[in-house]
Amino acid sequence: MSHQPASTVPSAPTAQAPQSLGLDARRIAMLKATGVNWRWPAPTQGPDASSQEIPPAPTREPTTASQVAQHAQTTEALAAPSDTAPPRPPVSRAAPTPAPLTKQPPMALDGLHWLDLQQAASACQACGLAAGRVGHSWGQGNERAKWLFITPRLNPSDDGETTVQGDELALLQSLWQAMGLRETDVFVTSLTKCRAGLGLHASAEDTAQCLAYLQHQVRWLQPDMIVALGLPVAHALLGASDAPLAQWRGRIHEWQGTPTLVTYPLDVLLRRPVDKAKWWADLCLGLDHLTANETP
């Protein structure tokens, strides 16, 4: 392949095509709205465009009065409304901001029966979740259960009044069967009883307001073991901490005078089935604790 010596002759400056017709912003916007192309087409260059000679610019005829009048008529015609003009896009309006919910203090729960507690929770307006809730759940299971499982929250995509559904429920049922438990031996509930809408999350204040219902559930159930499914539940029951989940696992805690163990939440187990072995080890720890403390 032969190499040509670099030329020392400076190349001719490349002519820049005009980018507009020199119209003001108002006329440009009007032309764009009517679909008129107001820019010059982009210049095309062939493979040997640099070697072509640039033709001289054409001589511009002086603008006559009749041409000015014709241009004014064209501009007025484009600006006038037309039946064939494209429809304007709808104006997007921000959704109205709902009025802030007036929080009500929690009801006096002492002395209420199990069903009365459930009704009080369904009508509660004590926290911010009540304004955007799409349902509620008191829990599911036997009101005299010996194992209490607590989830961090109600799944917003579920419906009805059950705490867990679908794959999460099937996972729990397989666990209970492996533990030798019947469904009458367990009760499942959530930290918060409101099923928040998509994108809404319980604040620490919301959880604290709803904790009174959970405390009364424990007093009524008097379970032998509480299972905290995930860090949010551990923090709400046992105190906030920067410790990872691994440091909460592997030992028996106590809440409301009841043995409590911390393990993985259900959604994590569905995403990472490899953690099921650790989950099973945590539940075996609870079984061993209850066996060791059985009254003869």
C-alpha atoms as a PDB file:
ATOM      1  CA  MET A   1       0.000   0.000   0.000  1.00  0.00           C
ATOM      2  CA  SER A   2       1.540   3.321  -1.107  1.00  0.00           C
ATOM      3  CA  HIS A   3       1.616   6.303   1.250  1.00  0.00           C
ATOM      4  CA  GLN A   4       1.163   9.792  -0.136  1.00  0.00           C
ATOM      5  CA  PRO A   5       3.164  12.543   1.512  1.00  0.00           C
ATOM      6  CA  ALA A   6       1.151  14.823   3.754  1.00  0.00           C
ATOM      7  CA  SER A   7       0.156  17.998   1.984  1.00  0.00           C
ATOM      8  CA  THR A   8       1.363  21.272   3.400  1.00  0.00           C
ATOM      9  CA  VAL A   9      -1.307  23.228   1.586  1.00  0.00           C
ATOM     10  CA  PRO A  10      -4.068  24.254   4.033  1.00  0.00           C
ATOM     11  CA  SER A  11      -7.423  22.869   3.102  1.00  0.00           C
ATOM     12  CA  ALA A  12     -10.164  25.188   2.071  1.00  0.00           C
ATOM     13  CA  PRO A  13     -12.616  26.065   4.842  1.00  0.00           C
ATOM     14  CA  THR A  14     -15.771  23.981   4.823  1.00  0.00           C
ATOM     15  CA  ALA A  15     -18.856  26.005   4.085  1.00  0.00           C
ATOM     16  CA  GLN A  16     -21.415  25.914   6.892  1.00  0.00           C
ATOM     17  CA  ALA A  17     -25.001  25.493   5.736  1.00  0.00           C
ATOM     18  CA  PRO A  18     -27.514  27.864   7.307  1.00  0.00           C
ATOM     19  CA  GLN A  19     -29.557  26.169  10.008  1.00  0.00           C
ATOM     20  CA  SER A  20     -32.751  28.236   9.853  1.00  0.00           C
ATOM     21  CA  LEU A  21     -34.712  30.740   7.803  1.00  0.00           C
ATOM     22  CA  GLY A  22     -33.965  33.551  10.223  1.00  0.00           C
ATOM     23  CA  LEU A  23     -37.465  33.402  11.734  1.00  0.00           C
ATOM     24  CA  ASP A  24     -38.220  34.641  15.221  1.00  0.00           C
ATOM     25  CA  ALA A  25     -39.115  32.240  18.049  1.00  0.00           C
ATOM     26  CA  ARG A  26     -42.869  32.771  17.724  1.00  0.00           C
ATOM     27  CA  ARG A  27     -42.950  31.888  14.000  1.00  0.00           C
ATOM     28  CA  ILE A  28     -40.651  28.923  14.532  1.00  0.00           C
ATOM     29  CA  ALA A  29     -42.999  27.557  17.215  1.00  0.00           C
ATOM     30  CA  MET A  30     -45.985  28.096  14.914  1.00  0.00           C
ATOM     31  CA  LEU A  31     -44.292  26.286  12.022  1.00  0.00           C
ATOM     32  CA  LYS A  32     -43.312  23.376  14.252  1.00  0.00           C
ATOM     33  CA  ALA A  33     -46.899  23.065  15.542  1.00  0.00           C
ATOM     34  CA  THR A  34     -48.220  22.839  11.962  1.00  0.00           C
ATOM     35  CA  GLY A  35     -45.603  20.277  10.921  1.00  0.00           C
ATOM     36  CA  VAL A  36     -43.635  22.571   8.591  1.00  0.00           C
ATOM     37  CA  ASN A  37     -39.908  21.807   8.360  1.00  0.00           C
ATOM     38  CA  TRP A  38     -38.255  25.108   9.195  1.00  0.00           C
ATOM     39  CA  ARG A  39     -34.601  23.927   9.058  1.00  0.00           C
ATOM     40  CA  TRP A  40     -32.432  23.446   6.008  1.00  0.00           C
ATOM     41  CA  PRO A  41     -31.734  19.794   5.228  1.00  0.00           C
ATOM     42  CA  ALA A  42     -28.405  18.593   6.589  1.00  0.00           C
ATOM     43  CA  PRO A  43     -25.625  18.757   3.971  1.00  0.00           C
ATOM     44  CA  THR A  44     -24.606  15.393   2.551  1.00  0.00           C
ATOM     45  CA  GLN A  45     -21.013  14.612   1.756  1.00  0.00           C
ATOM     46  CA  GLY A  46     -19.902  11.918  -0.623  1.00  0.00           C
ATOM     47  CA  PRO A  47     -16.722   9.917  -0.200  1.00  0.00           C
ATOM     48  CA  ASP A  48     -14.729  12.513  -2.180  1.00  0.00           C
ATOM     49  CA  ALA A  49     -16.636  15.608  -1.064  1.00  0.00           C
ATOM     50  CA  SER A  50     -13.427  17.292   0.075  1.00  0.00           C
ATOM     51  CA  SER A  51     -12.043  17.149  -3.448  1.00  0.00           C
ATOM     52  CA  GLN A  52     -15.081  18.791  -5.035  1.00  0.00           C
ATOM     53  CA  GLU A  53     -15.013  22.437  -5.771  1.00  0.00           C
ATOM     54  CA  ILE A  54     -17.536  24.565  -3.908  1.00  0.00           C
ATOM     55  CA  PRO A  55     -19.740  26.370  -6.431  1.00  0.00           C
ATOM     56  CA  PRO A  56     -20.128  30.084  -6.012  1.00  0.00           C
ATOM     57  CA  ALA A  57     -23.150  31.271  -4.110  1.00  0.00           C
ATOM     58  CA  PRO A  58     -26.042  32.266  -6.371  1.00  0.00           C
ATOM     59  CA  THR A  59     -26.754  35.928  -6.783  1.00  0.00           C
ATOM     60  CA  ARG A  60     -29.738  36.892  -4.617  1.00  0.00           C
ATOM     61  CA  GLU A  61     -32.415  38.924  -6.271  1.00  0.00           C
ATOM     62  CA  PRO A  62     -33.523  41.994  -4.346  1.00  0.00           C
ATOM     63  CA  THR A  63     -36.706  41.473  -2.414  1.00  0.00           C
ATOM     64  CA  THR A  64     -39.687  43.189  -3.989  1.00  0.00           C
ATOM     65  CA  ALA A  65     -42.726  44.631  -2.238  1.00  0.00           C
ATOM     66  CA  SER A  66     -44.971  41.963  -3.759  1.00  0.00           C
ATOM     67  CA  GLN A  67     -42.779  39.193  -2.299  1.00  0.00           C
ATOM     68  CA  VAL A  68     -42.978  40.789   1.156  1.00  0.00           C
ATOM     69  CA  ALA A  69     -46.771  40.950   0.909  1.00  0.00           C
ATOM     70  CA  GLN A  70     -46.977  37.333  -0.257  1.00  0.00           C
ATOM     71  CA  HIS A  71     -44.798  36.210   2.679  1.00  0.00           C
ATOM     72  CA  ALA A  72     -47.042  38.104   5.125  1.00  0.00           C
ATOM     73  CA  GLN A  73     -50.147  36.422   3.694  1.00  0.00           C
ATOM     74  CA  THR A  74     -48.518  32.982   4.008  1.00  0.00           C
ATOM     75  CA  THR A  75     -47.575  33.643   7.622  1.00  0.00           C
ATOM     76  CA  GLU A  76     -51.126  34.764   8.481  1.00  0.00           C
ATOM     77  CA  ALA A  77     -52.587  31.667   6.795  1.00  0.00           C
ATOM     78  CA  LEU A  78     -50.341  29.366   8.798  1.00  0.00           C
ATOM     79  CA  ALA A  79     -51.166  31.160  12.040  1.00  0.00           C
ATOM     80  CA  ALA A  80     -54.934  30.995  11.422  1.00  0.00           C
ATOM     81  CA  PRO A  81     -56.815  28.034  12.972  1.00  0.00           C
ATOM     82  CA  SER A  82     -57.600  25.249  10.550  1.00  0.00           C
ATOM     83  CA  ASP A  83     -59.878  22.217  10.660  1.00  0.00           C
ATOM     84  CA  THR A  84     -57.028  20.071   9.367  1.00  0.00           C
ATOM     85  CA  ALA A  85     -54.472  21.256  11.921  1.00  0.00           C
ATOM     86  CA  PRO A  86     -53.189  18.503  14.220  1.00  0.00           C
ATOM     87  CA  PRO A  87     -54.934  18.423  17.618  1.00  0.00           C
ATOM     88  CA  ARG A  88     -53.114  19.871  20.548  1.00  0.00           C
ATOM     89  CA  PRO A  89     -51.819  17.354  23.071  1.00  0.00           C
ATOM     90  CA  PRO A  90     -53.842  17.235  26.295  1.00  0.00           C
ATOM     91  CA  VAL A  91     -52.523  19.387  29.086  1.00  0.00           C
ATOM     92  CA  SER A  92     -51.218  17.202  31.877  1.00  0.00           C
ATOM     93  CA  ARG A  93     -52.501  18.306  35.241  1.00  0.00           C
ATOM     94  CA  ALA A  94     -51.052  17.293  38.558  1.00  0.00           C
ATOM     95  CA  ALA A  95     -53.240  15.013  40.649  1.00  0.00           C
ATOM     96  CA  PRO A  96     -54.981  16.916  43.432  1.00  0.00           C
ATOM     97  CA  THR A  97     -53.240  16.592  46.751  1.00  0.00           C
ATOM     98  CA  PRO A  98     -55.516  14.813  49.228  1.00  0.00           C
ATOM     99  CA  ALA A  99     -56.341  16.613  52.420  1.00  0.00           C
ATOM    100  CA  PRO A 100     -54.077  15.541  55.272  1.00  0.00           C
ATOM    101  CA  LEU A 101     -55.559  12.829  57.459  1.00  0.00           C
ATOM    102  CA  THR A 102     -56.502  13.960  60.909  1.00  0.00           C
ATOM    103  CA  LYS A 103     -54.908  11.335  63.108  1.00  0.00           C
ATOM    104  CA  GLN A 104     -56.959   9.990  65.931  1.00  0.00           C
ATOM    105  CA  PRO A 105     -55.449   8.609  69.104  1.00  0.00           C
ATOM    106  CA  PRO A 106     -55.489   4.808  69.401  1.00  0.00           C
ATOM    107  CA  MET A 107     -58.586   3.396  71.001  1.00  0.00           C
ATOM    108  CA  ALA A 108     -58.475   2.102  74.544  1.00  0.00           C
ATOM    109  CA  LEU A 109     -57.791  -1.578  73.916  1.00  0.00           C
ATOM    110  CA  ASP A 110     -57.561  -2.924  77.428  1.00  0.00           C
ATOM    111  CA  GLY A 111     -60.304  -5.396  78.240  1.00  0.00           C
ATOM    112  CA  LEU A 112     -61.448  -5.848  74.614  1.00  0.00           C
ATOM    113  CA  HIS A 113     -62.373  -9.313  73.355  1.00  0.00           C
ATOM    114  CA  TRP A 114     -60.501 -10.848  70.402  1.00  0.00           C
ATOM    115  CA  LEU A 115     -63.236  -9.888  67.913  1.00  0.00           C
ATOM    116  CA  ASP A 116     -63.508  -6.400  69.388  1.00  0.00           C
ATOM    117  CA  LEU A 117     -59.762  -5.928  68.940  1.00  0.00           C
ATOM    118  CA  GLN A 118     -60.098  -6.995  65.324  1.00  0.00           C
ATOM    119  CA  GLN A 119     -62.881  -4.487  64.679  1.00  0.00           C
ATOM    120  CA  ALA A 120     -60.932  -1.722  66.395  1.00  0.00           C
ATOM    121  CA  ALA A 121     -57.923  -2.370  64.139  1.00  0.00           C
ATOM    122  CA  SER A 122     -60.045  -2.306  60.972  1.00  0.00           C
ATOM    123  CA  ALA A 123     -61.522   1.087  61.908  1.00  0.00           C
ATOM    124  CA  CYS A 124     -58.275   2.604  63.222  1.00  0.00           C
ATOM    125  CA  GLN A 125     -57.237   6.049  61.919  1.00  0.00           C
ATOM    126  CA  ALA A 126     -54.280   6.577  64.242  1.00  0.00           C
ATOM    127  CA  CYS A 127     -51.448   6.581  61.673  1.00  0.00           C
ATOM    128  CA  GLY A 128     -50.640   7.785  58.167  1.00  0.00           C
ATOM    129  CA  LEU A 129     -51.289   4.415  56.538  1.00  0.00           C
ATOM    130  CA  ALA A 130     -55.035   4.703  57.111  1.00  0.00           C
ATOM    131  CA  ALA A 131     -55.428   7.395  54.434  1.00  0.00           C
ATOM    132  CA  GLY A 132     -54.005   5.325  51.579  1.00  0.00           C
ATOM    133  CA  ARG A 133     -54.783   1.789  52.671  1.00  0.00           C
ATOM    134  CA  VAL A 134     -56.409  -0.611  50.223  1.00  0.00           C
ATOM    135  CA  GLY A 135     -57.444  -3.110  52.892  1.00  0.00           C
ATOM    136  CA  HIS A 136     -56.472  -4.506  56.253  1.00  0.00           C
ATOM    137  CA  SER A 137     -55.693  -7.815  57.922  1.00  0.00           C
ATOM    138  CA  TRP A 138     -55.869  -8.742  61.565  1.00  0.00           C
ATOM    139  CA  GLY A 139     -54.107 -12.018  60.861  1.00  0.00           C
ATOM    140  CA  GLN A 140     -54.881 -15.622  60.048  1.00  0.00           C
ATOM    141  CA  GLY A 141     -54.858 -18.779  62.115  1.00  0.00           C
ATOM    142  CA  ASN A 142     -56.063 -20.009  65.456  1.00  0.00           C
ATOM    143  CA  GLU A 143     -56.656 -17.468  68.217  1.00  0.00           C
ATOM    144  CA  ARG A 144     -55.181 -19.992  70.659  1.00  0.00           C
ATOM    145  CA  ALA A 145     -52.112 -20.792  68.582  1.00  0.00           C
ATOM    146  CA  LYS A 146     -48.800 -21.595  70.251  1.00  0.00           C
ATOM    147  CA  TRP A 147     -46.575 -20.242  67.453  1.00  0.00           C
ATOM    148  CA  LEU A 148     -46.925 -16.612  66.367  1.00  0.00           C
ATOM    149  CA  PHE A 149     -45.278 -15.619  63.055  1.00  0.00           C
ATOM    150  CA  ILE A 150     -44.935 -11.862  62.425  1.00  0.00           C
ATOM    151  CA  THR A 151     -44.294 -10.449  58.933  1.00  0.00           C
ATOM    152  CA  PRO A 152     -42.937  -6.922  58.319  1.00  0.00           C
ATOM    153  CA  ARG A 153     -45.983  -5.745  56.348  1.00  0.00           C
ATOM    154  CA  LEU A 154     -48.937  -6.804  54.255  1.00  0.00           C
ATOM    155  CA  ASN A 155     -48.177  -7.367  50.583  1.00  0.00           C
ATOM    156  CA  PRO A 156     -49.852  -4.485  48.678  1.00  0.00           C
ATOM    157  CA  SER A 157     -50.489  -6.711  45.637  1.00  0.00           C
ATOM    158  CA  ASP A 158     -52.558  -9.183  47.675  1.00  0.00           C
ATOM    159  CA  ASP A 159     -56.223  -8.728  48.456  1.00  0.00           C
ATOM    160  CA  GLY A 160     -58.625  -9.960  51.075  1.00  0.00           C
ATOM    161  CA  GLU A 161     -58.047 -10.131  54.810  1.00  0.00           C
ATOM    162  CA  THR A 162     -55.403 -12.863  54.955  1.00  0.00           C
ATOM    163  CA  THR A 163     -51.903 -11.832  55.982  1.00  0.00           C
ATOM    164  CA  VAL A 164     -49.947 -14.087  53.600  1.00  0.00           C
ATOM    165  CA  GLN A 165     -51.080 -15.575  50.316  1.00  0.00           C
ATOM    166  CA  GLY A 166     -49.753 -17.425  47.293  1.00  0.00           C
ATOM    167  CA  ASP A 167     -46.138 -18.602  47.357  1.00  0.00           C
ATOM    168  CA  GLU A 168     -45.479 -17.122  50.803  1.00  0.00           C
ATOM    169  CA  LEU A 169     -48.339 -19.077  52.323  1.00  0.00           C
ATOM    170  CA  ALA A 170     -47.252 -22.278  50.560  1.00  0.00           C
ATOM    171  CA  LEU A 171     -43.740 -21.795  51.966  1.00  0.00           C
ATOM    172  CA  LEU A 172     -45.073 -21.389  55.500  1.00  0.00           C
ATOM    173  CA  GLN A 173     -47.321 -24.421  55.171  1.00  0.00           C
ATOM    174  CA  SER A 174     -44.396 -26.588  54.079  1.00  0.00           C
ATOM    175  CA  LEU A 175     -42.425 -25.335  57.082  1.00  0.00           C
ATOM    176  CA  TRP A 176     -45.219 -26.118  59.534  1.00  0.00           C
ATOM    177  CA  GLN A 177     -45.548 -29.601  58.124  1.00  0.00           C
ATOM    178  CA  ALA A 178     -41.809 -30.212  58.494  1.00  0.00           C
ATOM    179  CA  MET A 179     -41.951 -28.944  62.093  1.00  0.00           C
ATOM    180  CA  GLY A 180     -44.814 -31.265  62.916  1.00  0.00           C
ATOM    181  CA  LEU A 181     -47.221 -28.379  63.482  1.00  0.00           C
ATOM    182  CA  ARG A 182     -50.852 -28.222  62.485  1.00  0.00           C
ATOM    183  CA  GLU A 183     -52.375 -25.049  61.086  1.00  0.00           C
ATOM    184  CA  THR A 184     -54.337 -24.740  64.322  1.00  0.00           C
ATOM    185  CA  ASP A 185     -50.988 -24.425  66.129  1.00  0.00           C
ATOM    186  CA  VAL A 186     -49.993 -21.214  64.345  1.00  0.00           C
ATOM    187  CA  PHE A 187     -51.140 -17.636  63.888  1.00  0.00           C
ATOM    188  CA  VAL A 188     -49.676 -15.245  61.305  1.00  0.00           C
ATOM    189  CA  THR A 189     -49.981 -11.467  61.559  1.00  0.00           C
ATOM    190  CA  SER A 190     -48.180  -8.320  60.425  1.00  0.00           C
ATOM    191  CA  LEU A 191     -46.504  -5.449  62.225  1.00  0.00           C
ATOM    192  CA  THR A 192     -49.064  -3.087  60.676  1.00  0.00           C
ATOM    193  CA  LYS A 193     -52.655  -4.079  60.058  1.00  0.00           C
ATOM    194  CA  CYS A 194     -53.314  -1.747  57.096  1.00  0.00           C
ATOM    195  CA  ARG A 195     -52.583  -2.969  53.571  1.00  0.00           C
ATOM    196  CA  ALA A 196     -50.850   0.100  52.195  1.00  0.00           C
ATOM    197  CA  GLY A 197     -51.228   1.039  48.538  1.00  0.00           C
ATOM    198  CA  LEU A 198     -48.381   0.545  46.050  1.00  0.00           C
ATOM    199  CA  GLY A 199     -45.472   2.867  46.775  1.00  0.00           C
ATOM    200  CA  LEU A 200     -46.540   3.546  50.353  1.00  0.00           C
ATOM    201  CA  HIS A 201     -44.435   2.363  53.260  1.00  0.00           C
ATOM    202  CA  ALA A 202     -44.991   2.451  56.983  1.00  0.00           C
ATOM    203  CA  SER A 203     -42.921   4.984  58.871  1.00  0.00           C
ATOM    204  CA  ALA A 204     -41.450   4.323  62.305  1.00  0.00           C
ATOM    205  CA  GLU A 205     -44.323   6.373  63.760  1.00  0.00           C
ATOM    206  CA  ASP A 206     -46.910   4.268  61.886  1.00  0.00           C
ATOM    207  CA  THR A 207     -45.354   1.053  63.189  1.00  0.00           C
ATOM    208  CA  ALA A 208     -45.219   2.393  66.736  1.00  0.00           C
ATOM    209  CA  GLN A 209     -48.918   3.314  66.602  1.00  0.00           C
ATOM    210  CA  CYS A 210     -49.870  -0.171  65.401  1.00  0.00           C
ATOM    211  CA  LEU A 211     -47.644  -1.985  67.889  1.00  0.00           C
ATOM    212  CA  ALA A 212     -50.355  -1.702  70.555  1.00  0.00           C
ATOM    213  CA  TYR A 213     -52.548  -4.105  68.560  1.00  0.00           C
ATOM    214  CA  LEU A 214     -49.710  -6.605  68.280  1.00  0.00           C
ATOM    215  CA  GLN A 215     -49.079  -6.393  72.022  1.00  0.00           C
ATOM    216  CA  HIS A 216     -52.734  -7.195  72.713  1.00  0.00           C
ATOM    217  CA  GLN A 217     -52.605 -10.059  70.231  1.00  0.00           C
ATOM    218  CA  VAL A 218     -49.712 -11.561  72.180  1.00  0.00           C
ATOM    219  CA  ARG A 219     -51.531 -11.106  75.488  1.00  0.00           C
ATOM    220  CA  TRP A 220     -54.588 -12.849  74.079  1.00  0.00           C
ATOM    221  CA  LEU A 221     -52.766 -15.641  72.241  1.00  0.00           C
ATOM    222  CA  GLN A 222     -50.131 -16.300  74.929  1.00  0.00           C
ATOM    223  CA  PRO A 223     -47.957 -18.145  72.395  1.00  0.00           C
ATOM    224  CA  ASP A 224     -45.062 -20.402  73.315  1.00  0.00           C
ATOM    225  CA  MET A 225     -42.810 -18.880  70.617  1.00  0.00           C
ATOM    226  CA  ILE A 226     -42.754 -15.699  68.525  1.00  0.00           C
ATOM    227  CA  VAL A 227     -41.022 -15.802  65.123  1.00  0.00           C
ATOM    228  CA  ALA A 228     -39.890 -12.392  63.840  1.00  0.00           C
ATOM    229  CA  LEU A 229     -39.624 -12.648  60.043  1.00  0.00           C
ATOM    230  CA  GLY A 230     -37.004 -10.068  59.097  1.00  0.00           C
ATOM    231  CA  LEU A 231     -35.073  -7.119  60.480  1.00  0.00           C
ATOM    232  CA  PRO A 232     -38.001  -4.630  60.551  1.00  0.00           C
ATOM    233  CA  VAL A 233     -39.874  -6.953  62.900  1.00  0.00           C
ATOM    234  CA  ALA A 234     -36.776  -7.484  65.059  1.00  0.00           C
ATOM    235  CA  HIS A 235     -36.253  -3.715  65.326  1.00  0.00           C
ATOM    236  CA  ALA A 236     -39.885  -3.052  66.233  1.00  0.00           C
ATOM    237  CA  LEU A 237     -39.975  -5.723  68.928  1.00  0.00           C
ATOM    238  CA  LEU A 238     -36.436  -5.767  70.293  1.00  0.00           C
ATOM    239  CA  GLY A 239     -35.046  -2.313  69.497  1.00  0.00           C
ATOM    240  CA  ALA A 240     -33.435  -0.676  66.491  1.00  0.00           C
ATOM    241  CA  SER A 241     -29.851  -1.647  65.765  1.00  0.00           C
ATOM    242  CA  ASP A 242     -27.247  -1.467  63.010  1.00  0.00           C
ATOM    243  CA  ALA A 243     -26.475  -5.156  63.468  1.00  0.00           C
ATOM    244  CA  PRO A 244     -27.128  -7.318  60.397  1.00  0.00           C
ATOM    245  CA  LEU A 245     -29.660 -10.112  60.411  1.00  0.00           C
ATOM    246  CA  ALA A 246     -26.943 -12.703  61.036  1.00  0.00           C
ATOM    247  CA  GLN A 247     -26.277 -11.216  64.487  1.00  0.00           C
ATOM    248  CA  TRP A 248     -29.945 -11.442  65.465  1.00  0.00           C
ATOM    249  CA  ARG A 249     -30.195 -15.070  64.449  1.00  0.00           C
ATOM    250  CA  GLY A 250     -28.921 -18.083  66.382  1.00  0.00           C
ATOM    251  CA  ARG A 251     -30.249 -17.181  69.834  1.00  0.00           C
ATOM    252  CA  ILE A 252     -33.506 -16.820  71.696  1.00  0.00           C
ATOM    253  CA  HIS A 253     -34.659 -13.303  72.566  1.00  0.00           C
ATOM    254  CA  GLU A 254     -37.682 -12.276  74.601  1.00  0.00           C
ATOM    255  CA  TRP A 255     -40.570  -9.903  73.890  1.00  0.00           C
ATOM    256  CA  GLN A 256     -43.641  -9.406  76.073  1.00  0.00           C
ATOM    257  CA  GLY A 257     -42.351 -12.221  78.270  1.00  0.00           C
ATOM    258  CA  THR A 258     -42.396 -14.658  75.324  1.00  0.00           C
ATOM    259  CA  PRO A 259     -39.390 -16.447  73.741  1.00  0.00           C
ATOM    260  CA  THR A 260     -38.683 -14.798  70.390  1.00  0.00           C
ATOM    261  CA  LEU A 261     -36.412 -15.813  67.531  1.00  0.00           C
ATOM    262  CA  VAL A 262     -35.406 -13.788  64.474  1.00  0.00           C
ATOM    263  CA  THR A 263     -35.063 -15.288  61.014  1.00  0.00           C
ATOM    264  CA  TYR A 264     -35.381 -14.489  57.308  1.00  0.00           C
ATOM    265  CA  PRO A 265     -38.500 -12.830  55.827  1.00  0.00           C
ATOM    266  CA  LEU A 266     -40.578 -14.845  53.387  1.00  0.00           C
ATOM    267  CA  ASP A 267     -39.906 -12.711  50.298  1.00  0.00           C
ATOM    268  CA  VAL A 268     -36.145 -13.135  50.732  1.00  0.00           C
ATOM    269  CA  LEU A 269     -36.516 -16.904  50.945  1.00  0.00           C
ATOM    270  CA  LEU A 270     -38.505 -16.941  47.721  1.00  0.00           C
ATOM    271  CA  ARG A 271     -35.782 -14.933  45.970  1.00  0.00           C
ATOM    272  CA  ARG A 272     -32.888 -16.846  47.566  1.00  0.00           C
ATOM    273  CA  PRO A 273     -33.928 -20.439  48.239  1.00  0.00           C
ATOM    274  CA  VAL A 274     -30.372 -21.199  49.370  1.00  0.00           C
ATOM    275  CA  ASP A 275     -31.198 -19.453  52.688  1.00  0.00           C
ATOM    276  CA  LYS A 276     -33.933 -21.969  53.506  1.00  0.00           C
ATOM    277  CA  ALA A 277     -31.385 -24.191  55.242  1.00  0.00           C
ATOM    278  CA  LYS A 278     -30.527 -21.354  57.652  1.00  0.00           C
ATOM    279  CA  TRP A 279     -34.225 -20.624  58.089  1.00  0.00           C
ATOM    280  CA  TRP A 280     -34.811 -24.249  59.037  1.00  0.00           C
ATOM    281  CA  ALA A 281     -31.912 -24.103  61.521  1.00  0.00           C
ATOM    282  CA  ASP A 282     -33.506 -21.067  63.197  1.00  0.00           C
ATOM    283  CA  LEU A 283     -36.838 -22.854  63.592  1.00  0.00           C
ATOM    284  CA  CYS A 284     -35.107 -25.954  64.942  1.00  0.00           C
ATOM    285  CA  LEU A 285     -33.514 -23.714  67.565  1.00  0.00           C
ATOM    286  CA  GLY A 286     -37.014 -22.675  68.623  1.00  0.00           C
ATOM    287  CA  LEU A 287     -38.209 -26.278  68.731  1.00  0.00           C
ATOM    288  CA  ASP A 288     -35.206 -27.302  70.834  1.00  0.00           C
ATOM    289  CA  HIS A 289     -35.799 -24.398  73.226  1.00  0.00           C
ATOM    290  CA  LEU A 290     -39.416 -25.395  73.790  1.00  0.00           C
ATOM    291  CA  THR A 291     -38.488 -29.066  74.226  1.00  0.00           C
ATOM    292  CA  ALA A 292     -35.805 -28.181  76.800  1.00  0.00           C
ATOM    293  CA  ASN A 293     -38.250 -26.024  78.762  1.00  0.00           C
ATOM    294  CA  GLU A 294     -41.243 -28.354  78.711  1.00  0.00           C
ATOM    295  CA  THR A 295     -42.915 -28.886  82.048  1.00  0.00           C
ATOM    296  CA  PRO A 296     -42.859 -32.603  82.933  1.00  0.00           C
END
